[in-house]
C-alpha atoms as a PDB file:
ATOM      1  CA  MET A   1      37.628  71.475 152.328  1.00  0.00           C
ATOM      2  CA  THR A   2      38.375  73.759 155.272  1.00  0.00           C
ATOM      3  CA  PRO A   3      36.097  76.082 157.088  1.00  0.00           C
ATOM      4  CA  GLU A   4      38.230  78.854 156.106  1.00  0.00           C
ATOM      5  CA  THR A   5      37.666  78.005 152.069  1.00  0.00           C
ATOM      6  CA  ALA A   6      34.199  76.332 152.521  1.00  0.00           C
ATOM      7  CA  SER A   7      33.170  79.440 153.946  1.00  0.00           C
ATOM      8  CA  ALA A   8      34.416  82.317 151.865  1.00  0.00           C
ATOM      9  CA  PRO A   9      32.495  84.019 149.384  1.00  0.00           C
ATOM     10  CA  MET A  10      34.085  83.979 146.088  1.00  0.00           C
ATOM     11  CA  PRO A  11      32.681  86.254 143.143  1.00  0.00           C
ATOM     12  CA  ALA A  12      30.533  84.647 140.062  1.00  0.00           C
ATOM     13  CA  VAL A  13      32.418  83.089 137.341  1.00  0.00           C
ATOM     14  CA  ALA A  14      30.920  84.022 133.877  1.00  0.00           C
ATOM     15  CA  PRO A  15      29.624  81.061 131.594  1.00  0.00           C
ATOM     16  CA  LEU A  16      31.988  79.340 129.265  1.00  0.00           C
ATOM     17  CA  ALA A  17      30.551  80.077 125.590  1.00  0.00           C
ATOM     18  CA  ILE A  18      31.864  77.389 123.349  1.00  0.00           C
ATOM     19  CA  GLY A  19      30.585  78.663 119.987  1.00  0.00           C
ATOM     20  CA  SER A  20      26.619  78.499 120.649  1.00  0.00           C
ATOM     21  CA  VAL A  21      26.989  76.147 123.453  1.00  0.00           C
ATOM     22  CA  VAL A  22      26.459  77.844 127.002  1.00  0.00           C
ATOM     23  CA  VAL A  23      28.500  76.273 129.377  1.00  0.00           C
ATOM     24  CA  ASP A  24      27.538  77.283 132.413  1.00  0.00           C
ATOM     25  CA  PRO A  25      28.819  76.787 135.266  1.00  0.00           C
ATOM     26  CA  PRO A  26      32.313  76.654 132.894  1.00  0.00           C
ATOM     27  CA  ILE A  27      32.986  73.121 135.130  1.00  0.00           C
ATOM     28  CA  LEU A  28      33.644  70.283 132.709  1.00  0.00           C
ATOM     29  CA  GLN A  29      34.296  66.706 133.334  1.00  0.00           C
ATOM     30  CA  ALA A  30      36.903  65.052 131.161  1.00  0.00           C
ATOM     31  CA  PRO A  31      36.425  62.155 128.873  1.00  0.00           C
ATOM     32  CA  MET A  32      38.202  59.180 130.327  1.00  0.00           C
ATOM     33  CA  ALA A  33      38.669  56.090 128.393  1.00  0.00           C
ATOM     34  CA  GLY A  34      36.861  53.091 129.895  1.00  0.00           C
ATOM     35  CA  TYR A  35      35.319  55.056 132.331  1.00  0.00           C
ATOM     36  CA  THR A  36      33.258  57.935 131.397  1.00  0.00           C
ATOM     37  CA  ASN A  37      30.558  56.075 129.816  1.00  0.00           C
ATOM     38  CA  TYR A  38      26.535  56.669 129.939  1.00  0.00           C
ATOM     39  CA  ALA A  39      26.478  55.014 133.613  1.00  0.00           C
ATOM     40  CA  TYR A  40      28.918  57.191 134.951  1.00  0.00           C
ATOM     41  CA  ARG A  41      27.746  60.669 133.245  1.00  0.00           C
ATOM     42  CA  GLN A  42      24.116  60.292 134.494  1.00  0.00           C
ATOM     43  CA  VAL A  43      25.782  59.687 138.189  1.00  0.00           C
ATOM     44  CA  VAL A  44      27.542  63.120 137.609  1.00  0.00           C
ATOM     45  CA  ARG A  45      24.140  64.742 136.445  1.00  0.00           C
ATOM     46  CA  GLU A  46      22.294  63.561 138.947  1.00  0.00           C
ATOM     47  CA  PHE A  47      24.282  65.380 141.443  1.00  0.00           C
ATOM     48  CA  GLY A  48      24.779  68.664 139.315  1.00  0.00           C
ATOM     49  CA  GLY A  49      27.171  71.330 138.590  1.00  0.00           C
ATOM     50  CA  ALA A  50      28.937  69.718 135.350  1.00  0.00           C
ATOM     51  CA  GLY A  51      28.355  72.561 132.730  1.00  0.00           C
ATOM     52  CA  LEU A  52      29.408  69.957 130.111  1.00  0.00           C
ATOM     53  CA  LEU A  53      29.863  65.930 130.238  1.00  0.00           C
ATOM     54  CA  ALA A  54      31.812  64.110 127.893  1.00  0.00           C
ATOM     55  CA  THR A  55      31.847  60.983 126.771  1.00  0.00           C
ATOM     56  CA  GLU A  56      34.972  58.387 126.642  1.00  0.00           C
ATOM     57  CA  MET A  57      37.056  58.873 123.339  1.00  0.00           C
ATOM     58  CA  ILE A  58      35.636  56.909 120.052  1.00  0.00           C
ATOM     59  CA  ALA A  59      38.331  56.408 117.753  1.00  0.00           C
ATOM     60  CA  ALA A  60      37.213  57.320 114.184  1.00  0.00           C
ATOM     61  CA  ARG A  61      38.497  54.412 112.080  1.00  0.00           C
ATOM     62  CA  SER A  62      36.628  51.635 114.135  1.00  0.00           C
ATOM     63  CA  ALA A  63      33.606  53.796 114.284  1.00  0.00           C
ATOM     64  CA  ILE A  64      33.243  54.040 110.258  1.00  0.00           C
ATOM     65  CA  TRP A  65      34.113  50.337 109.938  1.00  0.00           C
ATOM     66  CA  LEU A  66      31.473  49.159 112.351  1.00  0.00           C
ATOM     67  CA  GLU A  67      29.011  51.439 110.623  1.00  0.00           C
ATOM     68  CA  THR A  68      29.926  50.016 107.485  1.00  0.00           C
ATOM     69  CA  ASN A  69      30.266  46.185 108.166  1.00  0.00           C
ATOM     70  CA  ARG A  70      27.838  45.782 110.792  1.00  0.00           C
ATOM     71  CA  GLY A  71      25.470  48.898 110.903  1.00  0.00           C
ATOM     72  CA  GLU A  72      26.455  49.260 114.390  1.00  0.00           C
ATOM     73  CA  HIS A  73      27.672  52.194 116.386  1.00  0.00           C
ATOM     74  CA  PRO A  74      30.531  51.913 118.822  1.00  0.00           C
ATOM     75  CA  ASP A  75      29.392  50.641 122.456  1.00  0.00           C
ATOM     76  CA  ARG A  76      31.143  54.032 123.816  1.00  0.00           C
ATOM     77  CA  LEU A  77      28.105  56.006 122.126  1.00  0.00           C
ATOM     78  CA  TRP A  78      25.640  54.435 124.697  1.00  0.00           C
ATOM     79  CA  GLY A  79      23.319  56.605 125.787  1.00  0.00           C
ATOM     80  CA  VAL A  80      24.393  59.775 123.917  1.00  0.00           C
ATOM     81  CA  ARG A  81      21.312  59.978 121.389  1.00  0.00           C
ATOM     82  CA  ASP A  82      18.487  60.468 124.347  1.00  0.00           C
ATOM     83  CA  GLU A  83      20.775  61.932 127.202  1.00  0.00           C
ATOM     84  CA  PRO A  84      20.427  65.407 128.395  1.00  0.00           C
ATOM     85  CA  ARG A  85      22.285  68.180 126.599  1.00  0.00           C
ATOM     86  CA  PRO A  86      24.950  69.966 126.440  1.00  0.00           C
ATOM     87  CA  LEU A  87      26.981  66.900 125.791  1.00  0.00           C
ATOM     88  CA  ALA A  88      30.129  66.642 124.400  1.00  0.00           C
ATOM     89  CA  VAL A  89      31.286  63.556 122.055  1.00  0.00           C
ATOM     90  CA  GLN A  90      35.447  63.218 121.986  1.00  0.00           C
ATOM     91  CA  MET A  91      37.229  61.048 119.046  1.00  0.00           C
ATOM     92  CA  TRP A  92      40.690  60.233 117.745  1.00  0.00           C
ATOM     93  CA  ASP A  93      42.452  59.562 114.411  1.00  0.00           C
ATOM     94  CA  ASN A  94      45.129  61.066 112.485  1.00  0.00           C
ATOM     95  CA  ASP A  95      43.318  60.842 108.826  1.00  0.00           C
ATOM     96  CA  PRO A  96      41.258  64.365 108.287  1.00  0.00           C
ATOM     97  CA  ASP A  97      38.695  62.377 106.216  1.00  0.00           C
ATOM     98  CA  ASN A  98      38.310  59.473 108.691  1.00  0.00           C
ATOM     99  CA  LEU A  99      37.325  62.358 111.484  1.00  0.00           C
ATOM    100  CA  ALA A 100      35.246  64.473 109.035  1.00  0.00           C
ATOM    101  CA  ALA A 101      33.367  61.770 108.268  1.00  0.00           C
ATOM    102  CA  VAL A 102      32.603  60.690 111.751  1.00  0.00           C
ATOM    103  CA  GLY A 103      32.607  64.430 112.895  1.00  0.00           C
ATOM    104  CA  ARG A 104      29.580  64.826 110.632  1.00  0.00           C
ATOM    105  CA  ARG A 105      27.815  62.021 111.727  1.00  0.00           C
ATOM    106  CA  LEU A 106      27.714  63.058 115.547  1.00  0.00           C
ATOM    107  CA  ALA A 107      26.556  66.581 114.537  1.00  0.00           C
ATOM    108  CA  GLN A 108      24.013  65.466 112.306  1.00  0.00           C
ATOM    109  CA  ASP A 109      22.666  62.220 113.167  1.00  0.00           C
ATOM    110  CA  PHE A 110      23.313  62.318 116.976  1.00  0.00           C
ATOM    111  CA  ARG A 111      23.069  66.050 117.102  1.00  0.00           C
ATOM    112  CA  VAL A 112      25.978  66.231 119.639  1.00  0.00           C
ATOM    113  CA  SER A 113      26.418  69.679 121.312  1.00  0.00           C
ATOM    114  CA  VAL A 114      30.154  69.500 120.614  1.00  0.00           C
ATOM    115  CA  VAL A 115      32.865  67.202 118.664  1.00  0.00           C
ATOM    116  CA  ASP A 116      35.863  66.810 120.627  1.00  0.00           C
ATOM    117  CA  LEU A 117      39.032  66.027 118.980  1.00  0.00           C
ATOM    118  CA  ASN A 118      41.862  64.220 121.006  1.00  0.00           C
ATOM    119  CA  PHE A 119      45.420  65.334 120.435  1.00  0.00           C
ATOM    120  CA  GLY A 120      46.536  64.440 124.561  1.00  0.00           C
ATOM    121  CA  CYS A 121      46.295  60.940 124.595  1.00  0.00           C
ATOM    122  CA  PRO A 122      49.750  59.662 125.865  1.00  0.00           C
ATOM    123  CA  VAL A 123      49.167  55.762 125.272  1.00  0.00           C
ATOM    124  CA  ARG A 124      51.119  53.957 122.960  1.00  0.00           C
ATOM    125  CA  GLN A 125      48.128  52.167 121.541  1.00  0.00           C
ATOM    126  CA  VAL A 126      47.269  55.428 120.553  1.00  0.00           C
ATOM    127  CA  THR A 127      50.600  57.249 120.059  1.00  0.00           C
ATOM    128  CA  GLU A 128      53.211  54.853 118.930  1.00  0.00           C
ATOM    129  CA  LYS A 129      50.873  52.359 117.130  1.00  0.00           C
ATOM    130  CA  ALA A 130      48.426  54.525 115.167  1.00  0.00           C
ATOM    131  CA  HIS A 131      50.207  57.861 115.161  1.00  0.00           C
ATOM    132  CA  SER A 132      47.481  59.527 117.232  1.00  0.00           C
ATOM    133  CA  GLY A 133      46.783  61.468 120.040  1.00  0.00           C
ATOM    134  CA  SER A 134      49.570  63.517 121.508  1.00  0.00           C
ATOM    135  CA  TRP A 135      51.711  62.135 118.798  1.00  0.00           C
ATOM    136  CA  LEU A 136      50.189  64.786 116.563  1.00  0.00           C
ATOM    137  CA  LEU A 137      51.829  67.445 118.896  1.00  0.00           C
ATOM    138  CA  ARG A 138      54.828  67.482 116.765  1.00  0.00           C
ATOM    139  CA  ASP A 139      53.331  68.533 113.716  1.00  0.00           C
ATOM    140  CA  PRO A 140      50.917  71.519 114.275  1.00  0.00           C
ATOM    141  CA  ASP A 141      50.220  71.806 110.437  1.00  0.00           C
ATOM    142  CA  ARG A 142      48.868  68.458 110.375  1.00  0.00           C
ATOM    143  CA  VAL A 143      46.455  69.452 113.536  1.00  0.00           C
ATOM    144  CA  GLY A 144      45.603  72.301 112.095  1.00  0.00           C
ATOM    145  CA  THR A 145      44.550  70.336 108.934  1.00  0.00           C
ATOM    146  CA  ILE A 146      42.468  68.090 110.610  1.00  0.00           C
ATOM    147  CA  VAL A 147      40.430  71.048 112.866  1.00  0.00           C
ATOM    148  CA  ARG A 148      39.751  72.676 109.623  1.00  0.00           C
ATOM    149  CA  ARG A 149      38.694  69.397 108.040  1.00  0.00           C
ATOM    150  CA  VAL A 150      36.301  68.454 110.862  1.00  0.00           C
ATOM    151  CA  VAL A 151      35.099  71.868 111.494  1.00  0.00           C
ATOM    152  CA  GLU A 152      33.757  72.373 108.029  1.00  0.00           C
ATOM    153  CA  ALA A 153      32.220  68.924 108.220  1.00  0.00           C
ATOM    154  CA  CYS A 154      30.481  69.744 111.358  1.00  0.00           C
ATOM    155  CA  ASP A 155      28.602  72.612 109.441  1.00  0.00           C
ATOM    156  CA  GLY A 156      28.138  74.906 112.895  1.00  0.00           C
ATOM    157  CA  VAL A 157      28.265  72.156 115.467  1.00  0.00           C
ATOM    158  CA  PRO A 158      31.320  73.410 117.902  1.00  0.00           C
ATOM    159  CA  VAL A 159      34.593  71.133 117.388  1.00  0.00           C
ATOM    160  CA  THR A 160      37.112  71.683 120.219  1.00  0.00           C
ATOM    161  CA  ALA A 161      40.403  69.917 120.847  1.00  0.00           C
ATOM    162  CA  LYS A 162      42.122  68.912 123.948  1.00  0.00           C
ATOM    163  CA  ILE A 163      45.550  68.681 124.033  1.00  0.00           C
ATOM    164  CA  ARG A 164      48.920  68.252 126.228  1.00  0.00           C
ATOM    165  CA  LEU A 165      51.585  70.758 126.624  1.00  0.00           C
ATOM    166  CA  GLY A 166      53.875  68.792 123.989  1.00  0.00           C
ATOM    167  CA  CYS A 167      54.922  65.269 123.269  1.00  0.00           C
ATOM    168  CA  SER A 168      57.966  65.894 125.983  1.00  0.00           C
ATOM    169  CA  ASP A 169      59.827  68.627 127.749  1.00  0.00           C
ATOM    170  CA  SER A 170      62.504  68.775 124.776  1.00  0.00           C
ATOM    171  CA  CYS A 171      59.343  69.052 122.596  1.00  0.00           C
ATOM    172  CA  ARG A 172      56.880  71.455 123.982  1.00  0.00           C
ATOM    173  CA  THR A 173      54.800  72.475 121.047  1.00  0.00           C
ATOM    174  CA  ALA A 174      51.354  73.958 122.648  1.00  0.00           C
ATOM    175  CA  LEU A 175      51.936  77.238 122.081  1.00  0.00           C
ATOM    176  CA  GLU A 176      52.278  76.758 118.069  1.00  0.00           C
ATOM    177  CA  VAL A 177      49.473  73.917 118.500  1.00  0.00           C
ATOM    178  CA  ALA A 178      47.095  76.499 119.977  1.00  0.00           C
ATOM    179  CA  GLN A 179      47.430  78.852 117.235  1.00  0.00           C
ATOM    180  CA  ARG A 180      46.862  76.706 114.745  1.00  0.00           C
ATOM    181  CA  ILE A 181      43.825  75.067 116.557  1.00  0.00           C
ATOM    182  CA  GLU A 182      42.300  78.514 116.608  1.00  0.00           C
ATOM    183  CA  GLU A 183      43.075  79.538 113.140  1.00  0.00           C
ATOM    184  CA  ALA A 184      40.897  76.238 112.089  1.00  0.00           C
ATOM    185  CA  GLY A 185      38.535  77.686 113.312  1.00  0.00           C
ATOM    186  CA  ALA A 186      38.086  75.835 116.929  1.00  0.00           C
ATOM    187  CA  SER A 187      35.242  76.836 119.188  1.00  0.00           C
ATOM    188  CA  CYS A 188      37.346  75.629 122.442  1.00  0.00           C
ATOM    189  CA  LEU A 189      40.749  74.540 123.447  1.00  0.00           C
ATOM    190  CA  THR A 190      41.786  72.163 126.589  1.00  0.00           C
ATOM    191  CA  VAL A 191      45.060  71.762 127.611  1.00  0.00           C
ATOM    192  CA  HIS A 192      46.171  69.371 129.930  1.00  0.00           C
ATOM    193  CA  GLY A 193      49.419  70.698 131.878  1.00  0.00           C
ATOM    194  CA  ARG A 194      51.841  67.943 131.310  1.00  0.00           C
ATOM    195  CA  VAL A 195      53.672  66.594 128.091  1.00  0.00           C
ATOM    196  CA  ALA A 196      52.873  63.367 127.037  1.00  0.00           C
ATOM    197  CA  ALA A 197      55.955  61.599 128.117  1.00  0.00           C
ATOM    198  CA  GLN A 198      54.944  62.472 131.737  1.00  0.00           C
ATOM    199  CA  PHE A 199      51.640  60.236 131.551  1.00  0.00           C
ATOM    200  CA  PHE A 200      50.102  61.160 134.807  1.00  0.00           C
ATOM    201  CA  THR A 201      53.021  61.640 136.967  1.00  0.00           C
ATOM    202  CA  GLY A 202      54.333  64.872 138.600  1.00  0.00           C
ATOM    203  CA  ALA A 203      52.566  68.059 138.618  1.00  0.00           C
ATOM    204  CA  ALA A 204      50.504  69.916 136.222  1.00  0.00           C
ATOM    205  CA  ASP A 205      52.284  73.096 134.773  1.00  0.00           C
ATOM    206  CA  TRP A 206      49.312  75.226 135.148  1.00  0.00           C
ATOM    207  CA  GLU A 207      51.726  78.616 134.276  1.00  0.00           C
ATOM    208  CA  ALA A 208      52.204  76.996 130.751  1.00  0.00           C
ATOM    209  CA  ILE A 209      48.067  76.445 130.511  1.00  0.00           C
ATOM    210  CA  ALA A 210      48.258  80.277 131.461  1.00  0.00           C
ATOM    211  CA  ALA A 211      51.050  80.794 128.924  1.00  0.00           C
ATOM    212  CA  VAL A 212      48.634  79.003 126.115  1.00  0.00           C
ATOM    213  CA  LYS A 213      45.577  80.865 127.363  1.00  0.00           C
ATOM    214  CA  ARG A 214      47.475  84.131 126.392  1.00  0.00           C
ATOM    215  CA  SER A 215      48.529  83.063 123.315  1.00  0.00           C
ATOM    216  CA  VAL A 216      45.484  83.063 121.472  1.00  0.00           C
ATOM    217  CA  SER A 217      43.242  86.004 120.530  1.00  0.00           C
ATOM    218  CA  ARG A 218      39.702  84.657 120.400  1.00  0.00           C
ATOM    219  CA  MET A 219      39.479  80.900 121.001  1.00  0.00           C
ATOM    220  CA  PRO A 220      38.494  80.185 124.901  1.00  0.00           C
ATOM    221  CA  VAL A 221      41.020  77.897 126.671  1.00  0.00           C
ATOM    222  CA  VAL A 222      39.753  75.381 129.741  1.00  0.00           C
ATOM    223  CA  GLY A 223      42.494  74.273 132.121  1.00  0.00           C
ATOM    224  CA  ASN A 224      43.100  70.446 133.092  1.00  0.00           C
ATOM    225  CA  GLY A 225      45.099  68.330 135.627  1.00  0.00           C
ATOM    226  CA  ASP A 226      45.706  67.957 139.348  1.00  0.00           C
ATOM    227  CA  ILE A 227      42.067  69.563 140.285  1.00  0.00           C
ATOM    228  CA  ASP A 228      41.471  67.501 143.305  1.00  0.00           C
ATOM    229  CA  SER A 229      38.905  69.970 145.467  1.00  0.00           C
ATOM    230  CA  PRO A 230      36.497  72.296 144.950  1.00  0.00           C
ATOM    231  CA  GLU A 231      38.947  74.990 146.007  1.00  0.00           C
ATOM    232  CA  THR A 232      41.304  74.082 143.649  1.00  0.00           C
ATOM    233  CA  ALA A 233      39.136  74.481 140.685  1.00  0.00           C
ATOM    234  CA  VAL A 234      38.056  77.949 141.834  1.00  0.00           C
ATOM    235  CA  ARG A 235      41.510  79.023 142.255  1.00  0.00           C
ATOM    236  CA  ARG A 236      42.422  78.166 139.402  1.00  0.00           C
ATOM    237  CA  LEU A 237      40.014  79.688 137.599  1.00  0.00           C
ATOM    238  CA  ARG A 238      40.700  82.877 139.137  1.00  0.00           C
ATOM    239  CA  GLU A 239      44.481  82.751 139.513  1.00  0.00           C
ATOM    240  CA  THR A 240      45.328  81.511 135.624  1.00  0.00           C
ATOM    241  CA  GLY A 241      42.606  83.336 133.597  1.00  0.00           C
ATOM    242  CA  VAL A 242      41.468  80.550 131.501  1.00  0.00           C
ATOM    243  CA  ASP A 243      37.789  80.480 130.607  1.00  0.00           C
ATOM    244  CA  GLY A 244      37.256  77.094 132.396  1.00  0.00           C
ATOM    245  CA  VAL A 245      38.518  74.004 134.042  1.00  0.00           C
ATOM    246  CA  MET A 246      37.816  70.099 133.658  1.00  0.00           C
ATOM    247  CA  ILE A 247      37.838  67.765 136.215  1.00  0.00           C
ATOM    248  CA  ALA A 248      39.200  64.197 135.731  1.00  0.00           C
ATOM    249  CA  ARG A 249      40.470  61.500 137.976  1.00  0.00           C
ATOM    250  CA  GLU A 250      39.335  63.283 141.116  1.00  0.00           C
ATOM    251  CA  ALA A 251      35.757  62.847 139.869  1.00  0.00           C
ATOM    252  CA  LEU A 252      35.798  59.266 139.565  1.00  0.00           C
ATOM    253  CA  ALA A 253      35.972  58.854 143.501  1.00  0.00           C
ATOM    254  CA  ARG A 254      33.744  61.770 144.065  1.00  0.00           C
ATOM    255  CA  PRO A 255      31.540  62.518 141.362  1.00  0.00           C
ATOM    256  CA  TRP A 256      30.029  65.161 143.483  1.00  0.00           C
ATOM    257  CA  ILE A 257      32.766  67.400 143.269  1.00  0.00           C
ATOM    258  CA  PHE A 258      31.482  69.321 140.180  1.00  0.00           C
ATOM    259  CA  ALA A 259      28.340  70.352 142.537  1.00  0.00           C
ATOM    260  CA  GLN A 260      30.907  71.215 145.182  1.00  0.00           C
ATOM    261  CA  ALA A 261      32.753  73.519 142.974  1.00  0.00           C
ATOM    262  CA  ALA A 262      29.749  75.298 140.888  1.00  0.00           C
ATOM    263  CA  ALA A 263      28.489  76.340 144.584  1.00  0.00           C
ATOM    264  CA  LEU A 264      31.621  77.797 145.654  1.00  0.00           C
ATOM    265  CA  LEU A 265      31.953  79.826 141.899  1.00  0.00           C
ATOM    266  CA  ARG A 266      28.197  81.108 142.980  1.00  0.00           C
ATOM    267  CA  GLY A 267      29.605  82.214 146.029  1.00  0.00           C
ATOM    268  CA  ALA A 268      27.304  79.636 148.213  1.00  0.00           C
ATOM    269  CA  GLU A 269      28.508  77.166 150.922  1.00  0.00           C
ATOM    270  CA  PRO A 270      29.152  73.814 149.286  1.00  0.00           C
ATOM    271  CA  PRO A 271      27.145  70.558 149.882  1.00  0.00           C
ATOM    272  CA  PRO A 272      29.112  68.248 152.238  1.00  0.00           C
ATOM    273  CA  ASP A 273      30.306  64.872 150.582  1.00  0.00           C
ATOM    274  CA  PRO A 274      27.635  62.413 151.166  1.00  0.00           C
ATOM    275  CA  THR A 275      27.421  60.481 154.157  1.00  0.00           C
ATOM    276  CA  LEU A 276      29.160  56.673 154.357  1.00  0.00           C
ATOM    277  CA  ALA A 277      25.834  55.071 153.897  1.00  0.00           C
ATOM    278  CA  GLU A 278      24.846  57.641 151.145  1.00  0.00           C
ATOM    279  CA  GLN A 279      28.256  56.817 149.068  1.00  0.00           C
ATOM    280  CA  ARG A 280      27.514  52.947 149.422  1.00  0.00           C
ATOM    281  CA  GLU A 281      24.210  53.773 148.155  1.00  0.00           C
ATOM    282  CA  ILE A 282      26.021  55.680 145.012  1.00  0.00           C
ATOM    283  CA  VAL A 283      28.042  52.954 144.272  1.00  0.00           C
ATOM    284  CA  LEU A 284      25.218  50.277 144.241  1.00  0.00           C
ATOM    285  CA  HIS A 285      23.066  52.753 141.682  1.00  0.00           C
ATOM    286  CA  HIS A 286      26.137  53.102 139.271  1.00  0.00           C
ATOM    287  CA  TYR A 287      26.345  49.371 139.407  1.00  0.00           C
ATOM    288  CA  ASP A 288      22.533  48.750 138.435  1.00  0.00           C
ATOM    289  CA  LEU A 289      22.818  51.282 135.586  1.00  0.00           C
ATOM    290  CA  VAL A 290      25.861  49.222 134.432  1.00  0.00           C
ATOM    291  CA  CYS A 291      24.094  46.273 134.928  1.00  0.00           C
ATOM    292  CA  ARG A 292      20.934  47.401 132.839  1.00  0.00           C
ATOM    293  CA  ARG A 293      23.085  47.899 129.891  1.00  0.00           C
ATOM    294  CA  PHE A 294      25.275  45.130 130.068  1.00  0.00           C
ATOM    295  CA  GLY A 295      23.757  42.575 132.013  1.00  0.00           C
ATOM    296  CA  ALA A 296      24.704  40.953 135.434  1.00  0.00           C
ATOM    297  CA  GLU A 297      27.625  39.089 134.032  1.00  0.00           C
ATOM    298  CA  GLN A 298      29.249  41.775 132.436  1.00  0.00           C
ATOM    299  CA  GLY A 299      28.358  44.945 134.136  1.00  0.00           C
ATOM    300  CA  THR A 300      29.813  43.154 137.260  1.00  0.00           C
ATOM    301  CA  LEU A 301      33.456  42.885 135.291  1.00  0.00           C
ATOM    302  CA  LEU A 302      32.985  46.607 134.215  1.00  0.00           C
ATOM    303  CA  MET A 303      32.062  47.575 137.661  1.00  0.00           C
ATOM    304  CA  ARG A 304      35.010  46.487 139.260  1.00  0.00           C
ATOM    305  CA  LYS A 305      37.247  49.352 138.004  1.00  0.00           C
ATOM    306  CA  PHE A 306      34.733  51.677 139.108  1.00  0.00           C
ATOM    307  CA  ALA A 307      34.174  50.360 142.349  1.00  0.00           C
ATOM    308  CA  CYS A 308      37.341  50.700 143.273  1.00  0.00           C
ATOM    309  CA  SER A 309      37.831  54.051 142.314  1.00  0.00           C
ATOM    310  CA  TYR A 310      34.895  54.911 144.602  1.00  0.00           C
ATOM    311  CA  ALA A 311      36.711  53.513 147.339  1.00  0.00           C
ATOM    312  CA  GLN A 312      39.959  56.232 147.070  1.00  0.00           C
ATOM    313  CA  GLY A 313      40.754  57.691 150.641  1.00  0.00           C
ATOM    314  CA  LEU A 314      38.885  55.009 152.312  1.00  0.00           C
ATOM    315  CA  PRO A 315      42.037  53.514 154.980  1.00  0.00           C
ATOM    316  CA  GLY A 316      40.621  49.982 154.190  1.00  0.00           C
ATOM    317  CA  ALA A 317      40.904  50.357 150.351  1.00  0.00           C
ATOM    318  CA  ARG A 318      43.240  47.992 149.992  1.00  0.00           C
ATOM    319  CA  ASP A 319      41.576  45.169 151.191  1.00  0.00           C
ATOM    320  CA  PHE A 320      38.185  46.248 149.210  1.00  0.00           C
ATOM    321  CA  ARG A 321      39.905  46.963 146.417  1.00  0.00           C
ATOM    322  CA  GLY A 322      41.234  43.251 146.597  1.00  0.00           C
ATOM    323  CA  LYS A 323      38.067  41.592 146.795  1.00  0.00           C
ATOM    324  CA  VAL A 324      36.250  43.563 145.070  1.00  0.00           C
ATOM    325  CA  SER A 325      38.707  43.461 141.781  1.00  0.00           C
ATOM    326  CA  ARG A 326      37.950  39.586 141.824  1.00  0.00           C
ATOM    327  CA  VAL A 327      34.583  39.452 141.874  1.00  0.00           C
ATOM    328  CA  THR A 328      32.395  37.744 138.616  1.00  0.00           C
ATOM    329  CA  SER A 329      29.041  37.632 139.577  1.00  0.00           C
ATOM    330  CA  ARG A 330      26.358  39.691 141.271  1.00  0.00           C
ATOM    331  CA  GLU A 331      26.391  37.797 144.286  1.00  0.00           C
ATOM    332  CA  GLU A 332      29.913  38.132 145.094  1.00  0.00           C
ATOM    333  CA  PHE A 333      29.691  42.224 144.103  1.00  0.00           C
ATOM    334  CA  LEU A 334      26.504  42.918 146.370  1.00  0.00           C
ATOM    335  CA  GLN A 335      28.518  40.468 149.461  1.00  0.00           C
ATOM    336  CA  VAL A 336      31.551  42.543 149.223  1.00  0.00           C
ATOM    337  CA  MET A 337      30.016  45.810 148.855  1.00  0.00           C
ATOM    338  CA  ASP A 338      27.836  44.165 152.508  1.00  0.00           C
ATOM    339  CA  THR A 339      30.978  43.152 154.229  1.00  0.00           C
ATOM    340  CA  CYS A 340      34.074  45.035 152.713  1.00  0.00           C
ATOM    341  CA  PHE A 341      32.654  49.065 152.061  1.00  0.00           C
ATOM    342  CA  PRO A 342      31.086  49.615 155.129  1.00  0.00           C
ATOM    343  CA  ARG A 343      33.971  48.288 157.294  1.00  0.00           C
ATOM    344  CA  ALA A 344      36.319  50.135 155.329  1.00  0.00           C
ATOM    345  CA  ALA A 345      33.983  53.325 155.678  1.00  0.00           C
ATOM    346  CA  THR A 346      33.796  53.007 159.571  1.00  0.00           C
ATOM    347  CA  HIS A 347      37.428  54.417 159.836  1.00  0.00           C
ATOM    348  CA  PHE A 348      36.792  57.216 157.323  1.00  0.00           C
ATOM    349  CA  SER A 349      37.185  60.886 157.751  1.00  0.00           C
ATOM    350  CA  ALA A 350      37.214  63.834 155.475  1.00  0.00           C
END
């Protein structure tokens, strides 16, 4: 954060309306498989600044099987019933009936604020094996059918969708898909500025995101991709005409980025990054939340990837990641935090 951008006042940005849900500030936490569970969302919520939080995406077919055969809900719905709103739950499948059934349950039983449909996941297990996620971008009419069925099933609870620009550079269907989604009654669309074939390589195309925004008449559009600072979030909002921005990977290392971006949107001085001692306590707090749910053994294994994310930007991060990624017990995790995280942190410069 440069002194010039940190101190320059910026005009307020209007809240984002997703149906009846007001997202204020219009800064959204992205759903990320394997990461945005209840513990992570709680850390983000404690810092503040995210107008809408989202779960990991759930597989509609698996959710139906679990409920039918075991009377259980997906583990990815941990905490959803009781945590503060607004909250979005994202799901994926290619069957309109499956998605409608799970959407209805999320709306009526879990009373979520927003039901989000994933048409952007580029992972082969979802695309090539299940013909879902970004695979569906090659069939705009089917996307529209899915959205329409889920909107009907959710009976007033806003339904949103997330897409990429297309399956590949030779198959950029975002404009047509966006129109089908709007026609089907969706309350908001999030656009990631890459095609599926890129995964997360190259640069997000925000001009293409802006073109999607211009192509729809009623539905608000949220932009996503390469938002790596509070200043970038504000600049994208101001320059592209999108109604909101979604922050993903950067927030795994800096869950306080939402609060900083929100302050800039208010024209206020953004809070500084936590001190190194505070960052260590954030990691330990996150670890404690995970262990409360899964126990020390499984919680330690799950926390390894989060700890690696928190180390991003530390000159000693490679050594820390190498060690923390191999811990198998609470004692080992705490020892690595005590001996390696502070050592890497002493060389840190913001």
